Each structure stands twice: as C-alpha cells, then as structure tokens.
Amino acid sequence: MDNSATHKIAVTKTWLVRRPHWHVYFTPTSASWFNQVERWFAELTCRQLQRVHRFTTDLVAFMDAHNENPKPYRWVKSADQILASIKRFYHKTMNRTSDSDD
C-alpha cells in the first residue's frame, strides 16, 4: 500500500482486522507506487527509446519480449535501512552546515 489515507479509515481497518492472514506493507511516503511506473518508463527509455527506430513495430517487439518474462521492481532495502541512510545523510549535511558557519 502506498501511504495514502485510505488504509486509515474505519471500514478498511475493520476489513484488515477480520483478515489476520493479510500482511500490509507500506511504501515510504515519498516513494509511492507511481515511482514504479516512472521506473518502467526510465528502463524503456534507456533500453529502447534512445536507439533509432525506423518502425513502431520495433518498439512493440521490445514490449512483447519484455512481457514474456516480466520481473517486478522490488524494494531491496528494509525500512530500517532506508531510515538509517537518511539519518546518516542528515548528520553529514548538518556537520557540513555547522562547519561552514564557523
């Protein structure tokens, strides 16, 4: 689930409580499902659109080949790893800022 408010309303909470076998995972607020869509278009651009195509059929052939064995994009880091990375970045940035003020 993305971090929208739909999972916070009472009817959704009740539905989830009645289904304990469902495990809900949330994407970070700044990294919604739409980022996955953007990632697909980035891959498409890198692999196909930057090449010169004489025919649309070349692009369609690429899409067909990709769809024969699709692989979902998955988060490769846990939430704890992401938060630790943000914390390290924050401390590095704050140290630089405080050093430059002196």
C-alpha atoms as a PDB file:
ATOM      1  CA  MET A   1       0.000   0.000   0.000  1.00  0.00           C
ATOM      2  CA  ASP A   2       1.091   3.478  -0.552  1.00  0.00           C
ATOM      3  CA  ASN A   3       0.846   5.881   2.338  1.00  0.00           C
ATOM      4  CA  SER A   4      -2.480   7.403   1.389  1.00  0.00           C
ATOM      5  CA  ALA A   5      -5.235   7.805   3.963  1.00  0.00           C
ATOM      6  CA  THR A   6      -7.410   5.010   2.538  1.00  0.00           C
ATOM      7  CA  HIS A   7      -5.943   2.426   4.904  1.00  0.00           C
ATOM      8  CA  LYS A   8      -6.634   4.642   7.919  1.00  0.00           C
ATOM      9  CA  ILE A   9     -10.424   4.791   7.637  1.00  0.00           C
ATOM     10  CA  ALA A  10     -12.541   2.637   9.943  1.00  0.00           C
ATOM     11  CA  VAL A  11     -14.038   0.405   7.254  1.00  0.00           C
ATOM     12  CA  THR A  12     -10.576  -0.538   5.958  1.00  0.00           C
ATOM     13  CA  LYS A  13      -9.190  -1.120   9.450  1.00  0.00           C
ATOM     14  CA  THR A  14     -12.146  -3.383  10.245  1.00  0.00           C
ATOM     15  CA  TRP A  15     -11.662  -5.297   6.995  1.00  0.00           C
ATOM     16  CA  LEU A  16      -7.973  -5.866   7.795  1.00  0.00           C
ATOM     17  CA  VAL A  17      -8.675  -6.930  11.415  1.00  0.00           C
ATOM     18  CA  ARG A  18     -11.068  -9.602  10.115  1.00  0.00           C
ATOM     19  CA  ARG A  19      -8.347 -10.956   7.836  1.00  0.00           C
ATOM     20  CA  PRO A  20      -5.307 -11.639  10.049  1.00  0.00           C
ATOM     21  CA  HIS A  21      -3.628 -13.645   7.281  1.00  0.00           C
ATOM     22  CA  TRP A  22      -3.237 -10.410   5.288  1.00  0.00           C
ATOM     23  CA  HIS A  23       0.049  -8.620   5.917  1.00  0.00           C
ATOM     24  CA  VAL A  24       0.101  -4.988   4.905  1.00  0.00           C
ATOM     25  CA  TYR A  25       3.299  -3.291   3.836  1.00  0.00           C
ATOM     26  CA  PHE A  26       3.559   0.415   3.215  1.00  0.00           C
ATOM     27  CA  THR A  27       5.853   2.171   0.798  1.00  0.00           C
ATOM     28  CA  PRO A  28       7.607   5.276   2.085  1.00  0.00           C
ATOM     29  CA  THR A  29       5.523   8.420   1.669  1.00  0.00           C
ATOM     30  CA  SER A  30       7.964   9.908  -0.792  1.00  0.00           C
ATOM     31  CA  ALA A  31       8.187   6.698  -2.839  1.00  0.00           C
ATOM     32  CA  SER A  32       4.710   5.774  -3.933  1.00  0.00           C
ATOM     33  CA  TRP A  33       3.619   3.139  -6.455  1.00  0.00           C
ATOM     34  CA  PHE A  34       3.888   5.829  -9.097  1.00  0.00           C
ATOM     35  CA  ASN A  35       7.672   5.683  -8.753  1.00  0.00           C
ATOM     36  CA  GLN A  36       7.456   2.111 -10.029  1.00  0.00           C
ATOM     37  CA  VAL A  37       5.639   3.365 -13.112  1.00  0.00           C
ATOM     38  CA  GLU A  38       8.288   6.040 -13.599  1.00  0.00           C
ATOM     39  CA  ARG A  39      10.989   3.385 -13.240  1.00  0.00           C
ATOM     40  CA  TRP A  40       9.396   1.335 -16.035  1.00  0.00           C
ATOM     41  CA  PHE A  41       9.450   4.311 -18.387  1.00  0.00           C
ATOM     42  CA  ALA A  42      13.067   5.032 -17.434  1.00  0.00           C
ATOM     43  CA  GLU A  43      14.018   1.474 -18.352  1.00  0.00           C
ATOM     44  CA  LEU A  44      12.048   1.685 -21.562  1.00  0.00           C
ATOM     45  CA  THR A  45      13.840   4.919 -22.442  1.00  0.00           C
ATOM     46  CA  CYS A  46      17.293   3.525 -21.667  1.00  0.00           C
ATOM     47  CA  ARG A  47      16.786   0.253 -23.463  1.00  0.00           C
ATOM     48  CA  GLN A  48      14.736   1.249 -26.457  1.00  0.00           C
ATOM     49  CA  LEU A  49      13.731   4.846 -26.989  1.00  0.00           C
ATOM     50  CA  GLN A  50      17.259   6.262 -27.106  1.00  0.00           C
ATOM     51  CA  ARG A  51      18.034   3.991 -30.023  1.00  0.00           C
ATOM     52  CA  VAL A  52      16.959   4.948 -33.502  1.00  0.00           C
ATOM     53  CA  HIS A  53      13.910   3.003 -34.642  1.00  0.00           C
ATOM     54  CA  ARG A  54      12.603   3.140 -38.129  1.00  0.00           C
ATOM     55  CA  PHE A  55       9.357   1.401 -37.258  1.00  0.00           C
ATOM     56  CA  THR A  56       6.931   1.331 -34.363  1.00  0.00           C
ATOM     57  CA  THR A  57       6.941  -2.444 -34.730  1.00  0.00           C
ATOM     58  CA  ASP A  58      10.498  -2.473 -33.262  1.00  0.00           C
ATOM     59  CA  LEU A  59       9.202  -0.885 -30.073  1.00  0.00           C
ATOM     60  CA  VAL A  60       6.210  -3.219 -29.971  1.00  0.00           C
ATOM     61  CA  ALA A  61       8.584  -6.189 -30.379  1.00  0.00           C
ATOM     62  CA  PHE A  62      10.583  -4.965 -27.357  1.00  0.00           C
ATOM     63  CA  MET A  63       7.415  -4.672 -25.270  1.00  0.00           C
ATOM     64  CA  ASP A  64       6.294  -8.161 -26.295  1.00  0.00           C
ATOM     65  CA  ALA A  65       9.700  -9.660 -25.444  1.00  0.00           C
ATOM     66  CA  HIS A  66       9.731  -7.908 -22.059  1.00  0.00           C
ATOM     67  CA  ASN A  67       6.209  -9.086 -21.246  1.00  0.00           C
ATOM     68  CA  GLU A  68       7.111 -12.733 -21.927  1.00  0.00           C
ATOM     69  CA  ASN A  69       9.219 -12.798 -18.760  1.00  0.00           C
ATOM     70  CA  PRO A  70       8.287  -9.731 -16.706  1.00  0.00           C
ATOM     71  CA  LYS A  71      10.029  -9.079 -13.415  1.00  0.00           C
ATOM     72  CA  PRO A  72       8.505  -6.744 -10.842  1.00  0.00           C
ATOM     73  CA  TYR A  73      10.560  -3.958  -9.366  1.00  0.00           C
ATOM     74  CA  ARG A  74      11.119  -4.661  -5.709  1.00  0.00           C
ATOM     75  CA  TRP A  75      12.428  -2.611  -2.849  1.00  0.00           C
ATOM     76  CA  VAL A  76      15.829  -4.011  -1.990  1.00  0.00           C
ATOM     77  CA  LYS A  77      16.208  -2.268   1.353  1.00  0.00           C
ATOM     78  CA  SER A  78      14.170  -2.546   4.500  1.00  0.00           C
ATOM     79  CA  ALA A  79      12.531   0.492   6.042  1.00  0.00           C
ATOM     80  CA  ASP A  80      15.182   0.422   8.793  1.00  0.00           C
ATOM     81  CA  GLN A  81      17.985   0.531   6.219  1.00  0.00           C
ATOM     82  CA  ILE A  82      16.345   3.438   4.393  1.00  0.00           C
ATOM     83  CA  LEU A  83      15.823   5.368   7.624  1.00  0.00           C
ATOM     84  CA  ALA A  84      19.431   4.709   8.687  1.00  0.00           C
ATOM     85  CA  SER A  85      20.628   6.038   5.333  1.00  0.00           C
ATOM     86  CA  ILE A  86      18.515   9.182   5.743  1.00  0.00           C
ATOM     87  CA  LYS A  87      19.894   9.638   9.269  1.00  0.00           C
ATOM     88  CA  ARG A  88      23.497   9.338   8.006  1.00  0.00           C
ATOM     89  CA  PHE A  89      22.785  11.849   5.240  1.00  0.00           C
ATOM     90  CA  TYR A  90      21.176  14.221   7.725  1.00  0.00           C
ATOM     91  CA  HIS A  91      24.161  14.077  10.086  1.00  0.00           C
ATOM     92  CA  LYS A  92      26.645  14.566   7.231  1.00  0.00           C
ATOM     93  CA  THR A  93      24.676  17.530   5.944  1.00  0.00           C
ATOM     94  CA  MET A  94      24.283  19.093   9.374  1.00  0.00           C
ATOM     95  CA  ASN A  95      28.012  18.674  10.089  1.00  0.00           C
ATOM     96  CA  ARG A  96      28.911  20.437   6.843  1.00  0.00           C
ATOM     97  CA  THR A  97      26.466  23.221   7.571  1.00  0.00           C
ATOM     98  CA  SER A  98      27.774  23.775  11.093  1.00  0.00           C
ATOM     99  CA  ASP A  99      31.410  23.656   9.858  1.00  0.00           C
ATOM    100  CA  SER A 100      30.762  26.293   7.202  1.00  0.00           C
ATOM    101  CA  ASP A 101      29.132  28.651   9.719  1.00  0.00           C
ATOM    102  CA  ASP A 102      32.314  28.868  11.832  1.00  0.00           C
END
